[in-house]
């Protein structure tokens, strides 16, 4: 293979800008990828899908008793509108035991540490006027960290809708520590549907085209930072692999999916498995790339499948001398919807303790051309090994324990408990 690390890093930098799902910036990112596909002599398809979106026109919060102070606040998206003056009550975890002795909360906004599924289910049951959740560390300020709005998850909204806000941990500490009693809030937001896209490309197999291996990476980002590590790196590694296999096709068909809107809830990969239901019968394995190329390691491999798959991955790493932390888990990335359909997967990643994702600090400075090249070479060889094998090393389907883990990941276990209750 030619030396490609420097070019890969240049492409990562070109893709490193805020490209939130369903926005013109995400479309711009898709155009960078598709231009590279065409320049390599390949072809692509854009697969559109709709995603829930919101726009906030007003969001304010101020303490009114026993002192007066405006607090920086952002909305919990898609949670509804709220305006007025309310009591403030801190309920820590916000779970069932925290509500003992509390009845009518219609005049109260409750503050909770984090918006877990259990905490949100209690909000919908107890029906306070609204809620506040807490972001970051007590020492973070506007000068050091962003306070970023997030939408309430679809699975939560199935339980109901409670207007919500997010404030900094620094401000939450002050409100509770100084005994804030009442606050005035104003929240107005509009919900609508936006359009996102998956970028699809296919390289037919030379001998077994009826069997496919799917290769995935998401190309969107969160609302802050450049999304360089998460996940311009994985997207560009996937682009390298596409170019490589155009010149070096394998026995089985390779299906490349650059997924849109992963950061908002895996919408791109979920849309793919929903729209390509018949095609899923041909897909026998998934490789996912999320966060590669950091100067400092370690390499990580997320294994979702049988014990045989774990053995296969570990043995291959020994054979080629690839040092990696192997974790048997559901990778919180675009491989998960494929695994949920019984398709075994591995996620190829590289961690670091010096970088941060989902913040203003996700920058190219922590990345290396050499590490990107290493991942490209390793993943190309690994994919060739599997996709060229006479018989695939593992069958489709998931062990019962992995099915249980997938139920937990997609909150189906929580929903079942809600229905039984």
Protein backbone atom coordinates (compact mmCIF):
# COMPACT_ATOMS: atom_id res chain seq x y z
CA UNK A 1 0.00 0.00 0.00
CA UNK A 2 1.06 3.54 -0.63
CA UNK A 3 1.76 5.85 2.28
CA UNK A 4 -1.57 7.54 2.96
CA UNK A 5 -1.46 8.81 6.55
CA UNK A 6 -0.75 12.44 5.68
CA UNK A 7 -3.59 12.56 3.18
CA UNK A 8 -5.93 10.89 5.66
CA UNK A 9 -5.10 13.48 8.31
CA UNK A 10 -5.66 16.29 5.80
CA UNK A 11 -9.10 14.89 5.00
CA UNK A 12 -9.90 14.57 8.70
CA UNK A 13 -9.05 18.24 9.12
CA UNK A 14 -11.22 19.13 6.12
CA UNK A 15 -14.13 17.30 7.75
CA UNK A 16 -13.52 18.83 11.19
CA UNK A 17 -16.34 21.31 11.63
CA UNK A 18 -19.71 21.22 13.39
CA UNK A 19 -21.93 19.02 11.19
CA UNK A 20 -25.00 18.30 13.27
CA UNK A 21 -27.48 15.83 11.82
CA UNK A 22 -30.14 17.28 9.54
CA UNK A 23 -28.32 20.58 8.92
CA UNK A 24 -26.68 22.10 5.81
CA UNK A 25 -23.32 21.48 7.49
CA UNK A 26 -24.01 17.74 7.58
CA UNK A 27 -24.83 17.92 3.86
CA UNK A 28 -21.50 19.71 3.32
CA UNK A 29 -19.72 16.87 5.12
CA UNK A 30 -21.50 14.30 2.94
CA UNK A 31 -20.36 16.23 -0.14
CA UNK A 32 -16.72 15.98 0.97
CA UNK A 33 -17.10 12.22 1.24
CA UNK A 34 -18.95 11.77 -2.05
CA UNK A 35 -16.46 13.97 -3.93
CA UNK A 36 -13.68 11.64 -2.73
CA UNK A 37 -15.67 8.57 -3.80
CA UNK A 38 -16.15 9.96 -7.30
CA UNK A 39 -12.53 11.08 -7.55
CA UNK A 40 -11.49 7.49 -6.83
CA UNK A 41 -13.64 6.27 -9.71
CA UNK A 42 -16.43 4.91 -7.55
CA UNK A 43 -20.14 5.64 -7.23
CA UNK A 44 -22.50 6.31 -4.35
CA UNK A 45 -26.12 6.69 -3.35
CA UNK A 46 -27.61 9.12 -0.86
CA UNK A 47 -30.28 7.53 1.31
CA UNK A 48 -32.49 10.21 2.90
CA UNK A 49 -34.40 9.74 6.13
CA UNK A 50 -36.24 12.06 8.48
CA UNK A 51 -35.20 12.84 12.03
CA UNK A 52 -36.97 14.73 14.82
CA UNK A 53 -35.60 18.24 15.30
CA UNK A 54 -36.38 21.28 17.40
CA UNK A 55 -35.72 25.01 17.48
CA UNK A 56 -35.79 27.02 20.70
CA UNK A 57 -36.91 30.65 20.51
CA UNK A 58 -36.87 31.45 24.24
CA UNK A 59 -35.12 29.83 27.18
CA UNK A 60 -34.47 31.70 30.44
CA UNK A 61 -34.19 30.87 34.12
CA UNK A 62 -33.81 33.20 37.10
CA UNK A 63 -33.81 32.78 40.88
CA UNK A 64 -36.53 34.93 42.50
CA UNK A 65 -36.37 33.92 46.18
CA UNK A 66 -34.46 34.34 48.50
CA UNK A 67 -32.28 36.29 46.06
CA UNK A 68 -32.51 37.37 42.45
CA UNK A 69 -30.13 36.07 39.82
CA UNK A 70 -30.26 35.03 36.18
CA UNK A 71 -28.80 31.58 35.45
CA UNK A 72 -27.36 30.38 32.14
CA UNK A 73 -29.67 27.66 30.86
CA UNK A 74 -30.37 25.61 27.73
CA UNK A 75 -33.48 23.60 26.84
CA UNK A 76 -33.96 19.87 26.88
CA UNK A 77 -35.09 19.68 23.29
CA UNK A 78 -38.54 18.39 22.32
CA UNK A 79 -39.70 18.59 25.95
CA UNK A 80 -42.40 21.22 25.45
CA UNK A 81 -43.02 24.78 26.63
CA UNK A 82 -43.24 26.29 30.12
CA UNK A 83 -43.56 29.80 31.52
CA UNK A 84 -44.05 31.16 35.03
CA UNK A 85 -42.73 31.15 38.58
CA UNK A 86 -42.33 27.84 40.40
CA UNK A 87 -40.94 26.28 43.55
CA UNK A 88 -37.56 24.57 43.17
CA UNK A 89 -36.97 21.14 44.68
CA UNK A 90 -33.74 19.13 44.42
CA UNK A 91 -34.50 15.39 44.19
CA UNK A 92 -31.00 13.99 43.58
CA UNK A 93 -31.45 10.83 41.45
CA UNK A 94 -35.12 11.58 40.84
CA UNK A 95 -36.07 7.94 41.34
CA UNK A 96 -39.09 6.53 43.17
CA UNK A 97 -37.64 6.72 46.69
CA UNK A 98 -36.89 10.43 46.24
CA UNK A 99 -40.63 11.19 45.84
CA UNK A 100 -41.78 9.62 49.13
CA UNK A 101 -44.24 11.97 50.84
CA UNK A 102 -44.56 14.23 47.79
CA UNK A 103 -47.95 14.61 46.15
CA UNK A 104 -49.05 17.60 44.07
CA UNK A 105 -45.97 18.96 42.25
CA UNK A 106 -47.81 21.02 39.67
CA UNK A 107 -46.31 24.21 41.13
CA UNK A 108 -42.78 22.77 41.35
CA UNK A 109 -39.76 22.32 39.11
CA UNK A 110 -37.61 19.41 40.28
CA UNK A 111 -33.84 19.33 39.78
CA UNK A 112 -32.19 15.94 39.26
CA UNK A 113 -28.59 14.88 38.80
CA UNK A 114 -29.06 13.19 35.43
CA UNK A 115 -31.90 12.38 33.06
CA UNK A 116 -31.95 8.59 33.30
CA UNK A 117 -34.84 6.51 32.01
CA UNK A 118 -36.00 5.75 35.55
CA UNK A 119 -35.81 9.42 36.53
CA UNK A 120 -37.78 10.47 33.46
CA UNK A 121 -40.44 7.80 34.05
CA UNK A 122 -40.97 9.23 37.55
CA UNK A 123 -41.27 12.73 36.10
CA UNK A 124 -44.04 11.51 33.82
CA UNK A 125 -45.74 9.73 36.72
CA UNK A 126 -45.49 12.51 39.31
CA UNK A 127 -46.07 15.34 36.82
CA UNK A 128 -44.08 18.28 38.20
CA UNK A 129 -44.33 21.50 36.21
CA UNK A 130 -40.89 20.85 34.79
CA UNK A 131 -37.41 19.58 35.54
CA UNK A 132 -33.79 20.72 35.55
CA UNK A 133 -30.86 18.41 34.90
CA UNK A 134 -27.21 19.15 35.57
CA UNK A 135 -24.26 19.35 33.18
CA UNK A 136 -20.50 19.15 33.72
CA UNK A 137 -18.34 19.73 36.79
CA UNK A 138 -18.67 22.31 39.54
CA UNK A 139 -15.56 24.18 38.36
CA UNK A 140 -16.58 24.57 34.70
CA UNK A 141 -17.59 28.01 33.45
CA UNK A 142 -18.65 29.54 30.13
CA UNK A 143 -14.98 30.32 29.50
CA UNK A 144 -13.88 26.69 29.91
CA UNK A 145 -16.78 24.54 28.72
CA UNK A 146 -19.95 24.74 26.65
CA UNK A 147 -23.44 24.18 27.97
CA UNK A 148 -25.05 22.26 25.13
CA UNK A 149 -28.73 21.61 24.56
CA UNK A 150 -29.73 17.98 24.05
CA UNK A 151 -33.02 16.50 22.90
CA UNK A 152 -34.98 14.12 25.09
CA UNK A 153 -34.64 10.60 23.67
CA UNK A 154 -37.46 9.06 21.66
CA UNK A 155 -37.76 6.18 24.13
CA UNK A 156 -38.31 8.67 26.95
CA UNK A 157 -40.92 10.67 25.06
CA UNK A 158 -42.99 7.53 24.62
CA UNK A 159 -43.70 7.87 28.36
CA UNK A 160 -44.90 11.45 28.10
CA UNK A 161 -43.59 15.00 27.90
CA UNK A 162 -42.29 17.18 30.75
CA UNK A 163 -40.65 20.57 29.99
CA UNK A 164 -36.97 20.48 30.84
CA UNK A 165 -33.86 22.62 31.23
CA UNK A 166 -30.15 22.02 31.72
CA UNK A 167 -27.83 24.18 33.85
CA UNK A 168 -24.18 24.00 34.81
CA UNK A 169 -23.08 22.00 37.84
CA UNK A 170 -21.50 25.21 39.17
CA UNK A 171 -24.89 26.96 39.18
CA UNK A 172 -26.73 23.89 40.51
CA UNK A 173 -24.27 23.72 43.41
CA UNK A 174 -24.99 27.35 44.25
CA UNK A 175 -28.78 26.97 43.97
CA UNK A 176 -28.89 24.00 46.32
CA UNK A 177 -26.13 25.22 48.63
CA UNK A 178 -27.73 28.65 49.15
CA UNK A 179 -31.28 27.31 49.37
CA UNK A 180 -33.01 28.73 46.30
CA UNK A 181 -36.78 28.47 46.86
CA UNK A 182 -38.42 29.80 43.71
CA UNK A 183 -37.37 30.34 40.11
CA UNK A 184 -38.93 31.98 37.07
CA UNK A 185 -38.60 30.20 33.74
CA UNK A 186 -39.61 30.76 30.14
CA UNK A 187 -39.27 28.03 27.52
CA UNK A 188 -40.64 28.11 24.00
CA UNK A 189 -39.58 25.65 21.30
CA UNK A 190 -40.79 24.38 17.96
CA UNK A 191 -40.59 20.77 16.83
CA UNK A 192 -40.26 19.72 13.21
CA UNK A 193 -38.78 17.04 10.97
CA UNK A 194 -35.36 17.47 9.35
CA UNK A 195 -33.78 15.39 6.62
CA UNK A 196 -30.48 13.58 7.09
CA UNK A 197 -28.67 11.20 4.75
CA UNK A 198 -26.65 8.01 4.76
CA UNK A 199 -23.95 7.82 2.09
CA UNK A 200 -23.96 4.34 0.55
CA UNK A 201 -21.41 2.67 -1.70
CA UNK A 202 -21.02 -0.95 -2.80
CA UNK A 203 -18.11 -3.04 -4.10
CA UNK A 204 -19.47 -6.33 -5.48
CA UNK A 205 -17.81 -9.55 -4.40
CA UNK A 206 -15.68 -11.40 -6.93
CA UNK A 207 -16.86 -14.94 -6.08
CA UNK A 208 -19.60 -14.76 -3.42
CA UNK A 209 -21.51 -11.54 -4.19
CA UNK A 210 -24.68 -12.88 -2.57
CA UNK A 211 -23.00 -12.57 0.86
CA UNK A 212 -22.12 -9.13 2.21
CA UNK A 213 -19.99 -7.51 4.87
CA UNK A 214 -21.15 -4.05 5.93
CA UNK A 215 -18.64 -1.36 6.92
CA UNK A 216 -19.98 1.61 8.88
CA UNK A 217 -18.89 4.94 10.38
CA UNK A 218 -20.88 8.06 11.27
CA UNK A 219 -19.90 11.38 9.72
CA UNK A 220 -22.07 13.78 11.76
CA UNK A 221 -20.99 15.57 14.95
CA UNK A 222 -22.51 17.13 18.04
CA UNK A 223 -23.31 20.85 18.27
CA UNK A 224 -19.89 21.92 19.58
CA UNK A 225 -16.27 21.28 18.71
CA UNK A 226 -14.99 20.06 15.38
CA UNK A 227 -15.80 16.38 15.79
CA UNK A 228 -12.30 15.52 14.57
CA UNK A 229 -11.76 12.41 16.67
CA UNK A 230 -15.49 11.64 16.91
CA UNK A 231 -15.89 10.81 14.14
CA UNK A 232 -14.13 12.46 11.21
CA UNK A 233 -11.40 9.89 11.80
CA UNK A 234 -13.65 6.86 11.42
CA UNK A 235 -15.34 8.37 8.37
CA UNK A 236 -12.03 9.02 6.64
CA UNK A 237 -10.72 5.57 7.52
CA UNK A 238 -13.86 4.14 5.92
CA UNK A 239 -13.14 6.28 2.86
CA UNK A 240 -9.63 4.88 2.67
CA UNK A 241 -11.01 1.34 2.86
CA UNK A 242 -13.43 2.07 0.03
CA UNK A 243 -10.58 3.29 -2.17
CA UNK A 244 -8.43 0.31 -1.20
CA UNK A 245 -11.06 -2.30 -1.99
CA UNK A 246 -11.95 -0.66 -5.30
CA UNK A 247 -8.47 -1.75 -6.34
CA UNK A 248 -8.40 -4.94 -4.28
CA UNK A 249 -11.91 -6.48 -4.31
CA UNK A 250 -12.65 -9.51 -2.14
CA UNK A 251 -14.84 -12.58 -2.54
CA UNK A 252 -17.81 -11.15 -0.67
CA UNK A 253 -19.65 -7.91 -1.41
CA UNK A 254 -18.62 -4.95 0.72
CA UNK A 255 -21.31 -2.43 1.62
CA UNK A 256 -20.09 0.93 2.88
CA UNK A 257 -22.41 3.09 4.99
CA UNK A 258 -21.42 6.55 6.16
CA UNK A 259 -24.19 7.08 8.70
CA UNK A 260 -25.84 10.43 9.33
CA UNK A 261 -27.26 11.65 12.65
CA UNK A 262 -25.60 9.04 14.86
CA UNK A 263 -25.03 11.53 17.66
CA UNK A 264 -28.77 12.19 18.01
CA UNK A 265 -29.64 8.54 18.51
CA UNK A 266 -28.16 6.24 15.84
CA UNK A 267 -30.75 7.52 13.38
CA UNK A 268 -28.68 6.77 10.27
CA UNK A 269 -27.95 3.14 11.04
CA UNK A 270 -31.48 2.57 12.34
CA UNK A 271 -32.84 4.01 9.09
CA UNK A 272 -30.57 1.71 7.07
CA UNK A 273 -31.71 -1.50 8.77
CA UNK A 274 -35.33 -0.35 8.48
CA UNK A 275 -35.15 0.59 4.79
CA UNK A 276 -32.91 -2.30 3.72
CA UNK A 277 -34.76 -5.10 5.48
CA UNK A 278 -34.46 -7.57 2.58
CA UNK A 279 -30.79 -6.74 2.11
CA UNK A 280 -30.06 -7.59 5.74
CA UNK A 281 -30.50 -11.28 4.89
CA UNK A 282 -27.31 -11.02 2.79
CA UNK A 283 -25.26 -9.17 5.41
CA UNK A 284 -23.23 -11.60 7.50
CA UNK A 285 -20.88 -9.32 9.42
CA UNK A 286 -20.32 -5.69 10.39
CA UNK A 287 -17.13 -3.66 10.91
CA UNK A 288 -17.72 -0.28 12.56
CA UNK A 289 -15.21 2.57 12.86
CA UNK A 290 -15.77 5.17 15.57
CA UNK A 291 -12.88 7.31 16.81
CA UNK A 292 -9.49 6.35 15.37
CA UNK A 293 -6.07 7.88 14.96
CA UNK A 294 -5.14 9.37 18.34
CA UNK A 295 -1.44 9.94 19.08
CA UNK A 296 -1.78 8.23 22.47
CA UNK A 297 -3.63 4.92 22.67
CA UNK A 298 -4.79 2.29 23.35
CA UNK A 299 -6.34 0.51 20.39
CA UNK A 300 -9.78 -0.85 21.23
CA UNK A 301 -11.93 -3.58 19.70
CA UNK A 302 -15.60 -3.84 20.69
CA UNK A 303 -16.89 -7.37 20.09
CA UNK A 304 -20.63 -8.00 19.84
CA UNK A 305 -21.36 -11.65 19.21
CA UNK A 306 -20.46 -15.14 20.32
CA UNK A 307 -17.50 -16.49 22.27
CA UNK A 308 -16.24 -17.85 18.95
CA UNK A 309 -16.05 -14.32 17.61
CA UNK A 310 -14.06 -13.18 20.64
CA UNK A 311 -11.61 -16.05 20.13
CA UNK A 312 -11.33 -15.27 16.41
CA UNK A 313 -10.58 -11.59 17.02
CA UNK A 314 -8.05 -12.23 19.77
CA UNK A 315 -6.28 -14.89 17.72
CA UNK A 316 -6.05 -12.65 14.67
CA UNK A 317 -4.59 -9.82 16.75
CA UNK A 318 -1.93 -12.21 18.06
CA UNK A 319 -1.08 -13.41 14.57
CA UNK A 320 -0.47 -9.92 13.20
CA UNK A 321 0.91 -8.37 16.40
CA UNK A 322 -1.90 -5.85 16.94
CA UNK A 323 -2.11 -4.67 20.53
CA UNK A 324 -5.68 -3.84 21.54
CA UNK A 325 -8.09 -3.84 24.45
CA UNK A 326 -10.80 -6.33 23.45
CA UNK A 327 -14.18 -5.69 25.06
CA UNK A 328 -17.19 -7.98 24.70
CA UNK A 329 -20.04 -5.49 24.77
CA UNK A 330 -22.65 -3.67 22.75
CA UNK A 331 -20.72 -0.86 21.07
CA UNK A 332 -22.61 2.39 21.56
CA UNK A 333 -22.31 3.21 17.88
CA UNK A 334 -23.69 2.35 14.46
CA UNK A 335 -22.98 -1.37 14.71
CA UNK A 336 -25.66 -1.77 17.41
CA UNK A 337 -28.71 -1.73 15.07
CA UNK A 338 -27.05 -4.39 12.91
CA UNK A 339 -26.29 -6.52 15.95
CA UNK A 340 -29.91 -6.12 16.98
CA UNK A 341 -30.78 -7.87 13.72
CA UNK A 342 -28.45 -10.76 14.57
CA UNK A 343 -25.42 -9.56 12.59
CA UNK A 344 -22.11 -10.07 14.48
CA UNK A 345 -19.92 -7.00 14.66
CA UNK A 346 -16.64 -5.60 15.79
CA UNK A 347 -15.94 -1.94 16.40
CA UNK A 348 -12.43 -0.70 15.68
CA UNK A 349 -11.50 2.32 17.74
CA UNK A 350 -8.62 4.02 19.51
CA UNK A 351 -9.00 5.69 22.87
CA UNK A 352 -6.94 8.28 24.67
CA UNK A 353 -6.90 9.88 28.07
CA UNK A 354 -5.80 13.24 26.70
CA UNK A 355 -8.75 14.00 24.41
CA UNK A 356 -12.44 14.74 24.88
CA UNK A 357 -15.42 14.00 22.68
CA UNK A 358 -18.68 15.99 22.54
CA UNK A 359 -16.88 19.15 23.66
CA UNK A 360 -15.07 22.15 22.16
CA UNK A 361 -11.84 20.18 22.77
CA UNK A 362 -12.43 17.49 20.12
CA UNK A 363 -9.72 18.89 17.86
CA UNK A 364 -7.23 17.45 15.32
CA UNK A 365 -4.28 18.28 17.58
CA UNK A 366 -4.57 14.91 19.37
CA UNK A 367 -4.45 12.95 16.08
CA UNK A 368 -1.59 11.39 14.16
CA UNK A 369 -1.08 10.54 10.48
CA UNK A 370 0.92 7.48 11.52
CA UNK A 371 -1.86 6.16 13.78
CA UNK A 372 -4.45 6.71 11.05
CA UNK A 373 -2.25 4.81 8.62
CA UNK A 374 -1.79 1.95 11.08
CA UNK A 375 -5.54 1.61 11.55
CA UNK A 376 -6.09 1.70 7.80
CA UNK A 377 -3.58 -1.06 7.16
CA UNK A 378 -4.82 -3.22 10.03
CA UNK A 379 -8.50 -2.90 9.16
CA UNK A 380 -7.90 -3.50 5.43
CA UNK A 381 -6.03 -6.72 6.23
CA UNK A 382 -8.59 -7.84 8.80
CA UNK A 383 -11.52 -7.22 6.45
CA UNK A 384 -9.71 -9.04 3.63
CA UNK A 385 -9.07 -12.01 5.92
CA UNK A 386 -12.72 -12.30 6.90
CA UNK A 387 -14.38 -11.35 3.59
CA UNK A 388 -12.10 -13.70 1.60
CA UNK A 389 -12.55 -16.69 3.91
CA UNK A 390 -14.04 -19.83 2.41
CA UNK A 391 -16.42 -20.07 5.36
CA UNK A 392 -17.14 -17.15 7.65
CA UNK A 393 -15.67 -17.66 11.13
CA UNK A 394 -19.01 -17.05 12.88
CA UNK A 395 -22.65 -17.49 11.98
CA UNK A 396 -25.30 -14.79 12.19
CA UNK A 397 -27.37 -14.65 15.33
CA UNK A 398 -26.68 -13.53 18.89
CA UNK A 399 -26.23 -15.52 22.12
CA UNK A 400 -28.97 -15.02 24.73
CA UNK A 401 -26.67 -12.94 26.94
CA UNK A 402 -25.94 -10.54 24.08
CA UNK A 403 -29.65 -10.32 23.28
CA UNK A 404 -30.22 -9.29 26.89
CA UNK A 405 -27.48 -6.67 26.59
CA UNK A 406 -29.09 -5.34 23.41
CA UNK A 407 -32.45 -5.16 25.19
CA UNK A 408 -30.80 -3.07 27.91
CA UNK A 409 -29.00 -0.86 25.41
CA UNK A 410 -32.20 -0.12 23.49
CA UNK A 411 -34.14 0.22 26.78
CA UNK A 412 -36.51 -2.60 25.89
CA UNK A 413 -35.99 -4.12 29.34
CA UNK A 414 -37.08 -0.82 30.91
CA UNK A 415 -40.16 -0.64 28.68
CA UNK A 416 -41.13 -4.20 29.58
CA UNK A 417 -40.94 -3.38 33.29
CA UNK A 418 -43.09 -0.28 32.70
CA UNK A 419 -45.72 -2.35 30.90
CA UNK A 420 -45.72 -5.03 33.63
CA UNK A 421 -46.10 -2.38 36.33
